Amino acid sequence: MLWHAWSCTAGSCTKVVTMLNLRKKILVAIDGSPQSDKAAEEAVRMASGNQSQFKSRVYAMLVLPNAPTSTYTDFVPTAPVTESEKWDELRRRIFYVIEKCALENDVPLEMIVEYGEPGEKLIEFAKREQVDVIVIGSSGKGFIQRSFKGSVSHRVSSGAHCSVYIVRG
């Protein structure tokens, strides 16, 4: 997209043409829930709305809980879920909606799997990669559970340096 502006000095005006960078980096939180599927669809819709030559990129992030630490009483420590035989099938199901939408709309997609606290990991990634907007589903928790544990969407919207788009479902 071109932006046309005028620069005027001492009665003489010249046309200044500058290029606007409309490419956006969009981070979407994925967990396989219906709310995250709606957020995935919204993130791809946002990215595909950019009709310029600069394509927006979507980063789909799944944050898994920290792997439980082994104790001396464990004879065989459990492997993280990403190292299990079922991981490929599980990953395919969790990322299915975002992969399908991105492919159908020709949107570049990068899938990331992290371990840790979801709110912290999303905020850290967004800052490190200079993300323009985080898209996240609203929590499906009830009042009591949200009061004790808090919601990821609230933590992200409070701590992110960029815009946060919360998709209600």
N, C-alpha and C. Protein backbone atom coordinates (compact mmCIF):
# COMPACT_ATOMS: atom_id res chain seq x y z
N MET A 1 0.85 -1.16 0.00
CA MET A 1 0.00 0.00 0.00
C MET A 1 0.90 1.23 0.00
N LEU A 2 0.59 2.18 -0.81
CA LEU A 2 1.35 3.42 -0.89
C LEU A 2 0.62 4.51 -0.13
N TRP A 3 1.38 5.34 0.51
CA TRP A 3 0.84 6.48 1.21
C TRP A 3 1.37 7.72 0.49
N HIS A 4 0.47 8.59 0.10
CA HIS A 4 0.85 9.83 -0.58
C HIS A 4 0.68 10.99 0.40
N ALA A 5 1.70 11.78 0.53
CA ALA A 5 1.65 12.97 1.38
C ALA A 5 2.27 14.13 0.63
N TRP A 6 2.02 15.30 1.10
CA TRP A 6 2.57 16.50 0.46
C TRP A 6 3.51 17.20 1.42
N SER A 7 4.64 17.61 0.91
CA SER A 7 5.59 18.39 1.69
C SER A 7 5.65 19.78 1.08
N CYS A 8 5.25 20.78 1.85
CA CYS A 8 5.20 22.14 1.33
C CYS A 8 6.15 23.04 2.08
N THR A 9 6.97 23.79 1.32
CA THR A 9 7.86 24.79 1.90
C THR A 9 7.89 26.00 0.99
N ALA A 10 7.74 27.15 1.55
CA ALA A 10 7.83 28.43 0.83
C ALA A 10 7.01 28.43 -0.45
N GLY A 11 5.76 27.99 -0.37
CA GLY A 11 4.87 28.05 -1.52
C GLY A 11 5.07 26.96 -2.55
N SER A 12 6.03 26.07 -2.34
CA SER A 12 6.29 24.98 -3.28
C SER A 12 5.94 23.66 -2.60
N CYS A 13 5.11 22.86 -3.26
CA CYS A 13 4.70 21.57 -2.69
C CYS A 13 5.22 20.43 -3.55
N THR A 14 5.71 19.41 -2.91
CA THR A 14 6.13 18.20 -3.63
C THR A 14 5.42 17.00 -3.03
N LYS A 15 5.13 16.05 -3.87
CA LYS A 15 4.44 14.83 -3.46
C LYS A 15 5.47 13.86 -2.89
N VAL A 16 5.20 13.35 -1.70
CA VAL A 16 6.08 12.38 -1.06
C VAL A 16 5.32 11.06 -1.02
N VAL A 17 5.96 10.01 -1.52
CA VAL A 17 5.35 8.69 -1.54
C VAL A 17 6.15 7.78 -0.61
N THR A 18 5.45 7.19 0.34
CA THR A 18 6.11 6.25 1.24
C THR A 18 5.34 4.94 1.25
N MET A 19 6.04 3.89 1.58
CA MET A 19 5.44 2.56 1.62
C MET A 19 5.10 2.23 3.08
N LEU A 20 3.84 1.85 3.32
CA LEU A 20 3.44 1.42 4.65
C LEU A 20 3.66 -0.07 4.77
N ASN A 21 4.23 -0.49 5.86
CA ASN A 21 4.43 -1.92 6.09
C ASN A 21 3.19 -2.44 6.82
N LEU A 22 2.35 -3.14 6.11
CA LEU A 22 1.12 -3.66 6.70
C LEU A 22 1.26 -5.09 7.20
N ARG A 23 2.43 -5.65 7.03
CA ARG A 23 2.65 -7.02 7.50
C ARG A 23 2.55 -7.02 9.02
N LYS A 24 1.84 -7.97 9.54
CA LYS A 24 1.69 -8.10 10.98
C LYS A 24 2.19 -9.46 11.44
N LYS A 25 2.70 -9.48 12.64
CA LYS A 25 3.03 -10.72 13.32
C LYS A 25 1.91 -10.97 14.31
N ILE A 26 1.23 -12.09 14.13
CA ILE A 26 0.06 -12.41 14.95
C ILE A 26 0.34 -13.69 15.72
N LEU A 27 0.25 -13.63 17.03
CA LEU A 27 0.45 -14.79 17.89
C LEU A 27 -0.92 -15.25 18.38
N VAL A 28 -1.19 -16.54 18.20
CA VAL A 28 -2.47 -17.08 18.68
C VAL A 28 -2.19 -18.23 19.64
N ALA A 29 -2.91 -18.22 20.76
CA ALA A 29 -2.78 -19.27 21.77
C ALA A 29 -3.65 -20.45 21.36
N ILE A 30 -3.05 -21.63 21.33
CA ILE A 30 -3.73 -22.85 20.91
C ILE A 30 -3.70 -23.86 22.05
N ASP A 31 -4.84 -24.49 22.32
CA ASP A 31 -4.85 -25.58 23.29
C ASP A 31 -5.81 -26.71 22.91
N GLY A 32 -6.41 -26.61 21.74
CA GLY A 32 -7.32 -27.66 21.28
C GLY A 32 -8.76 -27.47 21.71
N SER A 33 -9.04 -26.44 22.49
CA SER A 33 -10.41 -26.19 22.96
C SER A 33 -11.20 -25.46 21.88
N PRO A 34 -12.53 -25.49 21.98
CA PRO A 34 -13.35 -24.74 21.01
C PRO A 34 -13.01 -23.24 21.01
N GLN A 35 -12.69 -22.67 22.18
CA GLN A 35 -12.33 -21.25 22.24
C GLN A 35 -11.04 -20.97 21.48
N SER A 36 -10.06 -21.87 21.59
CA SER A 36 -8.81 -21.64 20.87
C SER A 36 -8.99 -21.88 19.37
N ASP A 37 -9.90 -22.76 19.00
CA ASP A 37 -10.18 -22.94 17.57
C ASP A 37 -10.79 -21.66 16.98
N LYS A 38 -11.69 -21.01 17.74
CA LYS A 38 -12.26 -19.74 17.26
C LYS A 38 -11.18 -18.67 17.18
N ALA A 39 -10.28 -18.65 18.16
CA ALA A 39 -9.18 -17.68 18.15
C ALA A 39 -8.28 -17.93 16.94
N ALA A 40 -8.04 -19.21 16.62
CA ALA A 40 -7.20 -19.57 15.46
C ALA A 40 -7.84 -19.05 14.17
N GLU A 41 -9.15 -19.25 14.04
CA GLU A 41 -9.84 -18.77 12.85
C GLU A 41 -9.76 -17.25 12.74
N GLU A 42 -9.90 -16.55 13.86
CA GLU A 42 -9.81 -15.08 13.86
C GLU A 42 -8.41 -14.61 13.49
N ALA A 43 -7.39 -15.28 14.01
CA ALA A 43 -6.00 -14.90 13.71
C ALA A 43 -5.73 -15.04 12.22
N VAL A 44 -6.18 -16.13 11.61
CA VAL A 44 -5.98 -16.32 10.17
C VAL A 44 -6.79 -15.31 9.39
N ARG A 45 -8.00 -15.00 9.85
CA ARG A 45 -8.81 -13.99 9.17
C ARG A 45 -8.11 -12.64 9.19
N MET A 46 -7.53 -12.29 10.33
CA MET A 46 -6.79 -11.03 10.44
C MET A 46 -5.61 -11.01 9.47
N ALA A 47 -4.88 -12.11 9.42
CA ALA A 47 -3.69 -12.19 8.55
C ALA A 47 -4.07 -12.18 7.08
N SER A 48 -5.15 -12.86 6.73
CA SER A 48 -5.53 -12.95 5.32
C SER A 48 -6.17 -11.66 4.82
N GLY A 49 -6.59 -10.79 5.73
CA GLY A 49 -7.17 -9.51 5.33
C GLY A 49 -6.14 -8.54 4.77
N ASN A 50 -4.88 -8.87 4.94
CA ASN A 50 -3.79 -8.04 4.43
C ASN A 50 -3.55 -8.41 2.97
N GLN A 51 -3.99 -7.58 2.05
CA GLN A 51 -3.89 -7.88 0.62
C GLN A 51 -2.63 -7.30 -0.02
N SER A 52 -1.73 -6.75 0.78
CA SER A 52 -0.52 -6.16 0.21
C SER A 52 0.47 -7.27 -0.13
N GLN A 53 1.58 -6.89 -0.72
CA GLN A 53 2.61 -7.87 -1.08
C GLN A 53 3.32 -8.40 0.16
N PHE A 54 3.16 -7.73 1.29
CA PHE A 54 3.79 -8.15 2.52
C PHE A 54 2.81 -9.01 3.32
N LYS A 55 3.05 -10.32 3.37
CA LYS A 55 2.13 -11.22 4.05
C LYS A 55 2.32 -11.18 5.56
N SER A 56 1.21 -11.19 6.25
CA SER A 56 1.27 -11.31 7.70
C SER A 56 1.60 -12.76 8.04
N ARG A 57 2.21 -12.95 9.20
CA ARG A 57 2.59 -14.28 9.66
C ARG A 57 1.85 -14.59 10.95
N VAL A 58 1.38 -15.83 11.06
CA VAL A 58 0.70 -16.28 12.27
C VAL A 58 1.62 -17.27 13.00
N TYR A 59 1.78 -17.04 14.29
CA TYR A 59 2.51 -17.96 15.17
C TYR A 59 1.46 -18.62 16.05
N ALA A 60 1.33 -19.93 15.96
CA ALA A 60 0.39 -20.67 16.80
C ALA A 60 1.18 -21.31 17.93
N MET A 61 0.88 -20.95 19.17
CA MET A 61 1.65 -21.45 20.30
C MET A 61 0.80 -22.31 21.22
N LEU A 62 1.29 -23.51 21.46
CA LEU A 62 0.71 -24.42 22.45
C LEU A 62 1.65 -24.43 23.64
N VAL A 63 1.13 -24.11 24.82
CA VAL A 63 1.95 -24.13 26.03
C VAL A 63 1.47 -25.28 26.90
N LEU A 64 2.36 -26.24 27.09
CA LEU A 64 2.06 -27.40 27.91
C LEU A 64 2.54 -27.15 29.33
N PRO A 65 1.88 -27.79 30.32
CA PRO A 65 2.35 -27.61 31.70
C PRO A 65 3.76 -28.12 31.84
N ASN A 66 4.49 -27.55 32.78
CA ASN A 66 5.85 -28.04 33.03
C ASN A 66 5.82 -29.54 33.25
N ALA A 67 6.78 -30.23 32.67
CA ALA A 67 6.88 -31.67 32.85
C ALA A 67 7.14 -31.93 34.34
N PRO A 68 6.42 -32.90 34.91
CA PRO A 68 6.65 -33.18 36.33
C PRO A 68 8.09 -33.62 36.55
N THR A 69 8.69 -33.14 37.62
CA THR A 69 10.07 -33.52 37.90
C THR A 69 10.09 -34.88 38.56
N SER A 70 11.09 -35.64 38.26
CA SER A 70 11.26 -36.97 38.83
C SER A 70 11.78 -36.84 40.26
N THR A 71 11.39 -37.76 41.10
CA THR A 71 11.94 -37.81 42.44
C THR A 71 12.74 -39.07 42.57
N TYR A 72 13.48 -39.18 43.65
CA TYR A 72 14.31 -40.37 43.83
C TYR A 72 13.47 -41.64 43.97
N THR A 73 12.17 -41.48 44.27
CA THR A 73 11.31 -42.66 44.39
C THR A 73 10.83 -43.17 43.05
N ASP A 74 10.99 -42.37 41.99
CA ASP A 74 10.58 -42.81 40.66
C ASP A 74 11.65 -43.72 40.08
N PHE A 75 11.24 -44.91 39.69
CA PHE A 75 12.19 -45.82 39.06
C PHE A 75 12.35 -45.49 37.58
N VAL A 76 11.24 -45.14 36.95
CA VAL A 76 11.28 -44.78 35.53
C VAL A 76 10.60 -43.43 35.39
N PRO A 77 11.39 -42.37 35.19
CA PRO A 77 10.75 -41.06 35.04
C PRO A 77 9.88 -41.02 33.79
N THR A 78 8.79 -40.27 33.89
CA THR A 78 7.91 -40.15 32.75
C THR A 78 8.48 -39.15 31.76
N ALA A 79 8.35 -39.47 30.49
CA ALA A 79 8.85 -38.58 29.43
C ALA A 79 7.83 -37.48 29.18
N PRO A 80 8.30 -36.32 28.75
CA PRO A 80 7.36 -35.26 28.37
C PRO A 80 6.42 -35.75 27.27
N VAL A 81 5.23 -35.17 27.20
CA VAL A 81 4.23 -35.61 26.25
C VAL A 81 4.74 -35.51 24.80
N THR A 82 5.62 -34.55 24.53
CA THR A 82 6.13 -34.38 23.17
C THR A 82 7.08 -35.49 22.76
N GLU A 83 7.49 -36.31 23.72
CA GLU A 83 8.37 -37.44 23.40
C GLU A 83 7.62 -38.77 23.46
N SER A 84 6.31 -38.72 23.62
CA SER A 84 5.54 -39.96 23.68
C SER A 84 5.14 -40.41 22.28
N GLU A 85 4.73 -41.67 22.18
CA GLU A 85 4.32 -42.23 20.89
C GLU A 85 3.05 -41.57 20.37
N LYS A 86 2.23 -41.06 21.25
CA LYS A 86 0.96 -40.46 20.86
C LYS A 86 1.09 -38.99 20.46
N TRP A 87 2.27 -38.39 20.60
CA TRP A 87 2.43 -36.96 20.38
C TRP A 87 2.03 -36.52 18.97
N ASP A 88 2.47 -37.24 17.95
CA ASP A 88 2.17 -36.81 16.58
C ASP A 88 0.67 -36.70 16.34
N GLU A 89 -0.09 -37.68 16.81
CA GLU A 89 -1.54 -37.65 16.64
C GLU A 89 -2.16 -36.53 17.48
N LEU A 90 -1.68 -36.36 18.70
CA LEU A 90 -2.19 -35.30 19.57
C LEU A 90 -1.88 -33.93 18.97
N ARG A 91 -0.66 -33.72 18.50
CA ARG A 91 -0.28 -32.45 17.89
C ARG A 91 -1.12 -32.16 16.66
N ARG A 92 -1.36 -33.18 15.85
CA ARG A 92 -2.17 -33.01 14.65
C ARG A 92 -3.59 -32.56 15.00
N ARG A 93 -4.18 -33.15 16.04
CA ARG A 93 -5.54 -32.77 16.45
C ARG A 93 -5.58 -31.36 17.03
N ILE A 94 -4.60 -31.01 17.84
CA ILE A 94 -4.59 -29.69 18.48
C ILE A 94 -4.41 -28.57 17.46
N PHE A 95 -3.52 -28.78 16.49
CA PHE A 95 -3.22 -27.74 15.50
C PHE A 95 -4.06 -27.86 14.23
N TYR A 96 -5.01 -28.79 14.18
CA TYR A 96 -5.76 -29.06 12.95
C TYR A 96 -6.45 -27.81 12.39
N VAL A 97 -7.19 -27.11 13.22
CA VAL A 97 -7.98 -25.96 12.75
C VAL A 97 -7.07 -24.86 12.20
N ILE A 98 -6.02 -24.52 12.94
CA ILE A 98 -5.14 -23.44 12.49
C ILE A 98 -4.38 -23.84 11.22
N GLU A 99 -3.94 -25.07 11.13
CA GLU A 99 -3.24 -25.53 9.91
C GLU A 99 -4.17 -25.47 8.70
N LYS A 100 -5.39 -25.96 8.88
CA LYS A 100 -6.35 -25.98 7.78
C LYS A 100 -6.70 -24.56 7.32
N CYS A 101 -7.00 -23.68 8.27
CA CYS A 101 -7.36 -22.29 7.92
C CYS A 101 -6.20 -21.57 7.25
N ALA A 102 -5.00 -21.74 7.78
CA ALA A 102 -3.83 -21.06 7.21
C ALA A 102 -3.56 -21.55 5.79
N LEU A 103 -3.68 -22.85 5.57
CA LEU A 103 -3.45 -23.42 4.24
C LEU A 103 -4.49 -22.92 3.25
N GLU A 104 -5.76 -22.92 3.65
CA GLU A 104 -6.83 -22.46 2.77
C GLU A 104 -6.71 -20.99 2.40
N ASN A 105 -6.12 -20.19 3.29
CA ASN A 105 -6.03 -18.75 3.06
C ASN A 105 -4.62 -18.29 2.68
N ASP A 106 -3.73 -19.24 2.44
CA ASP A 106 -2.36 -18.95 2.03
C ASP A 106 -1.67 -17.99 3.01
N VAL A 107 -1.78 -18.31 4.30
CA VAL A 107 -1.18 -17.50 5.36
C VAL A 107 0.01 -18.26 5.92
N PRO A 108 1.19 -17.63 5.98
CA PRO A 108 2.34 -18.28 6.58
C PRO A 108 2.08 -18.60 8.06
N LEU A 109 2.43 -19.82 8.45
CA LEU A 109 2.14 -20.30 9.81
C LEU A 109 3.38 -20.94 10.40
N GLU A 110 3.65 -20.59 11.64
CA GLU A 110 4.71 -21.25 12.39
C GLU A 110 4.08 -21.78 13.67
N MET A 111 4.31 -23.07 13.96
CA MET A 111 3.74 -23.69 15.15
C MET A 111 4.83 -23.87 16.20
N ILE A 112 4.51 -23.47 17.43
CA ILE A 112 5.48 -23.51 18.52
C ILE A 112 4.87 -24.27 19.68
N VAL A 113 5.67 -25.14 20.31
CA VAL A 113 5.26 -25.84 21.51
C VAL A 113 6.26 -25.48 22.60
N GLU A 114 5.74 -24.98 23.72
CA GLU A 114 6.57 -24.57 24.86
C GLU A 114 6.06 -25.27 26.11
N TYR A 115 6.91 -25.35 27.11
CA TYR A 115 6.53 -25.84 28.43
C TYR A 115 6.57 -24.68 29.40
N GLY A 116 5.57 -24.60 30.27
CA GLY A 116 5.58 -23.57 31.29
C GLY A 116 4.20 -23.02 31.57
N GLU A 117 4.17 -21.83 32.11
CA GLU A 117 2.91 -21.17 32.43
C GLU A 117 2.46 -20.42 31.17
N PRO A 118 1.25 -20.70 30.67
CA PRO A 118 0.82 -20.15 29.38
C PRO A 118 0.91 -18.63 29.27
N GLY A 119 0.43 -17.90 30.26
CA GLY A 119 0.46 -16.44 30.20
C GLY A 119 1.88 -15.91 30.05
N GLU A 120 2.78 -16.42 30.87
CA GLU A 120 4.18 -15.98 30.82
C GLU A 120 4.82 -16.29 29.48
N LYS A 121 4.61 -17.50 28.99
CA LYS A 121 5.24 -17.91 27.72
C LYS A 121 4.72 -17.10 26.55
N LEU A 122 3.43 -16.82 26.52
CA LEU A 122 2.86 -16.01 25.44
C LEU A 122 3.43 -14.60 25.46
N ILE A 123 3.50 -14.01 26.64
CA ILE A 123 4.03 -12.64 26.77
C ILE A 123 5.51 -12.60 26.39
N GLU A 124 6.30 -13.57 26.86
CA GLU A 124 7.73 -13.61 26.53
C GLU A 124 7.95 -13.74 25.02
N PHE A 125 7.20 -14.64 24.38
CA PHE A 125 7.36 -14.84 22.94
C PHE A 125 6.97 -13.58 22.18
N ALA A 126 5.86 -12.97 22.58
CA ALA A 126 5.38 -11.77 21.89
C ALA A 126 6.42 -10.65 21.97
N LYS A 127 7.04 -10.51 23.11
CA LYS A 127 8.05 -9.47 23.27
C LYS A 127 9.30 -9.80 22.46
N ARG A 128 9.77 -11.03 22.55
CA ARG A 128 11.00 -11.45 21.85
C ARG A 128 10.85 -11.32 20.34
N GLU A 129 9.70 -11.71 19.80
CA GLU A 129 9.50 -11.72 18.35
C GLU A 129 8.84 -10.43 17.84
N GLN A 130 8.62 -9.47 18.73
CA GLN A 130 7.99 -8.19 18.37
C GLN A 130 6.64 -8.41 17.67
N VAL A 131 5.81 -9.20 18.31
CA VAL A 131 4.48 -9.52 17.80
C VAL A 131 3.60 -8.27 17.87
N ASP A 132 2.75 -8.09 16.86
CA ASP A 132 1.87 -6.92 16.81
C ASP A 132 0.57 -7.13 17.58
N VAL A 133 0.07 -8.36 17.59
CA VAL A 133 -1.19 -8.64 18.28
C VAL A 133 -1.20 -10.09 18.74
N ILE A 134 -1.75 -10.31 19.93
CA ILE A 134 -1.96 -11.67 20.46
C ILE A 134 -3.45 -11.94 20.38
N VAL A 135 -3.82 -13.08 19.81
CA VAL A 135 -5.22 -13.49 19.73
C VAL A 135 -5.38 -14.67 20.67
N ILE A 136 -6.35 -14.58 21.56
CA ILE A 136 -6.53 -15.62 22.58
C ILE A 136 -8.01 -15.82 22.83
N GLY A 137 -8.41 -17.05 23.07
CA GLY A 137 -9.79 -17.34 23.40
C GLY A 137 -10.09 -16.94 24.83
N SER A 138 -11.34 -16.55 25.08
CA SER A 138 -11.73 -16.24 26.45
C SER A 138 -11.75 -17.53 27.25
N SER A 139 -11.58 -17.42 28.53
CA SER A 139 -11.52 -18.64 29.33
C SER A 139 -12.91 -19.24 29.46
N GLY A 140 -12.93 -20.54 29.55
CA GLY A 140 -14.19 -21.24 29.74
C GLY A 140 -14.41 -21.59 31.19
N LYS A 141 -13.57 -21.04 32.09
CA LYS A 141 -13.67 -21.36 33.51
C LYS A 141 -14.86 -20.64 34.14
N GLY A 142 -15.37 -21.21 35.19
CA GLY A 142 -16.43 -20.57 35.96
C GLY A 142 -15.85 -19.54 36.91
N PHE A 143 -16.72 -18.82 37.59
CA PHE A 143 -16.31 -17.73 38.48
C PHE A 143 -15.36 -18.21 39.58
N ILE A 144 -15.69 -19.31 40.22
CA ILE A 144 -14.88 -19.78 41.36
C ILE A 144 -13.48 -20.20 40.89
N GLN A 145 -13.41 -21.00 39.84
CA GLN A 145 -12.10 -21.45 39.34
C GLN A 145 -11.27 -20.26 38.87
N ARG A 146 -11.89 -19.30 38.20
CA ARG A 146 -11.18 -18.12 37.71
C ARG A 146 -10.69 -17.27 38.89
N SER A 147 -11.47 -17.23 39.99
CA SER A 147 -11.08 -16.45 41.17
C SER A 147 -9.81 -17.02 41.80
N PHE A 148 -9.69 -18.34 41.85
CA PHE A 148 -8.52 -18.96 42.47
C PHE A 148 -7.31 -19.01 41.53
N LYS A 149 -7.52 -19.43 40.31
CA LYS A 149 -6.40 -19.63 39.40
C LYS A 149 -6.14 -18.45 38.47
N GLY A 150 -7.14 -17.62 38.27
CA GLY A 150 -7.00 -16.53 37.32
C GLY A 150 -7.19 -17.04 35.91
N SER A 151 -7.31 -16.14 34.96
CA SER A 151 -7.47 -16.59 33.58
C SER A 151 -6.24 -16.19 32.78
N VAL A 152 -5.88 -17.02 31.84
CA VAL A 152 -4.73 -16.76 30.98
C VAL A 152 -4.99 -15.51 30.16
N SER A 153 -6.20 -15.37 29.63
CA SER A 153 -6.49 -14.20 28.80
C SER A 153 -6.35 -12.91 29.61
N HIS A 154 -6.75 -12.91 30.86
CA HIS A 154 -6.60 -11.73 31.70
C HIS A 154 -5.12 -11.42 31.95
N ARG A 155 -4.35 -12.46 32.27
CA ARG A 155 -2.91 -12.26 32.52
C ARG A 155 -2.20 -11.74 31.28
N VAL A 156 -2.56 -12.28 30.11
CA VAL A 156 -1.91 -11.85 28.86
C VAL A 156 -2.31 -10.41 28.55
N SER A 157 -3.60 -10.09 28.67
CA SER A 157 -4.04 -8.72 28.34
C SER A 157 -3.44 -7.70 29.30
N SER A 158 -3.17 -8.10 30.53
CA SER A 158 -2.58 -7.18 31.51
C SER A 158 -1.08 -7.01 31.32
N GLY A 159 -0.39 -8.06 30.86
CA GLY A 159 1.07 -8.02 30.82
C GLY A 159 1.70 -7.85 29.46
N ALA A 160 0.94 -7.94 28.39
CA ALA A 160 1.52 -7.88 27.04
C ALA A 160 1.87 -6.45 26.65
N HIS A 161 2.92 -6.32 25.87
CA HIS A 161 3.35 -5.00 25.37
C HIS A 161 2.58 -4.60 24.11
N CYS A 162 1.85 -5.55 23.53
CA CYS A 162 1.16 -5.31 22.27
C CYS A 162 -0.36 -5.42 22.49
N SER A 163 -1.11 -5.24 21.44
CA SER A 163 -2.55 -5.39 21.51
C SER A 163 -2.93 -6.84 21.75
N VAL A 164 -4.01 -7.05 22.45
CA VAL A 164 -4.52 -8.41 22.72
C VAL A 164 -5.98 -8.44 22.27
N TYR A 165 -6.29 -9.41 21.44
CA TYR A 165 -7.65 -9.59 20.93
C TYR A 165 -8.22 -10.84 21.58
N ILE A 166 -9.22 -10.66 22.45
CA ILE A 166 -9.83 -11.80 23.15
C ILE A 166 -11.08 -12.20 22.41
N VAL A 167 -11.11 -13.45 21.97
CA VAL A 167 -12.22 -13.99 21.20
C VAL A 167 -13.18 -14.66 22.17
N ARG A 168 -14.39 -14.19 22.19
CA ARG A 168 -15.42 -14.78 23.07
C ARG A 168 -16.14 -15.88 22.31
N GLY A 169 -16.49 -16.91 23.03
CA GLY A 169 -17.05 -18.04 22.33
C GLY A 169 -18.38 -18.43 22.77
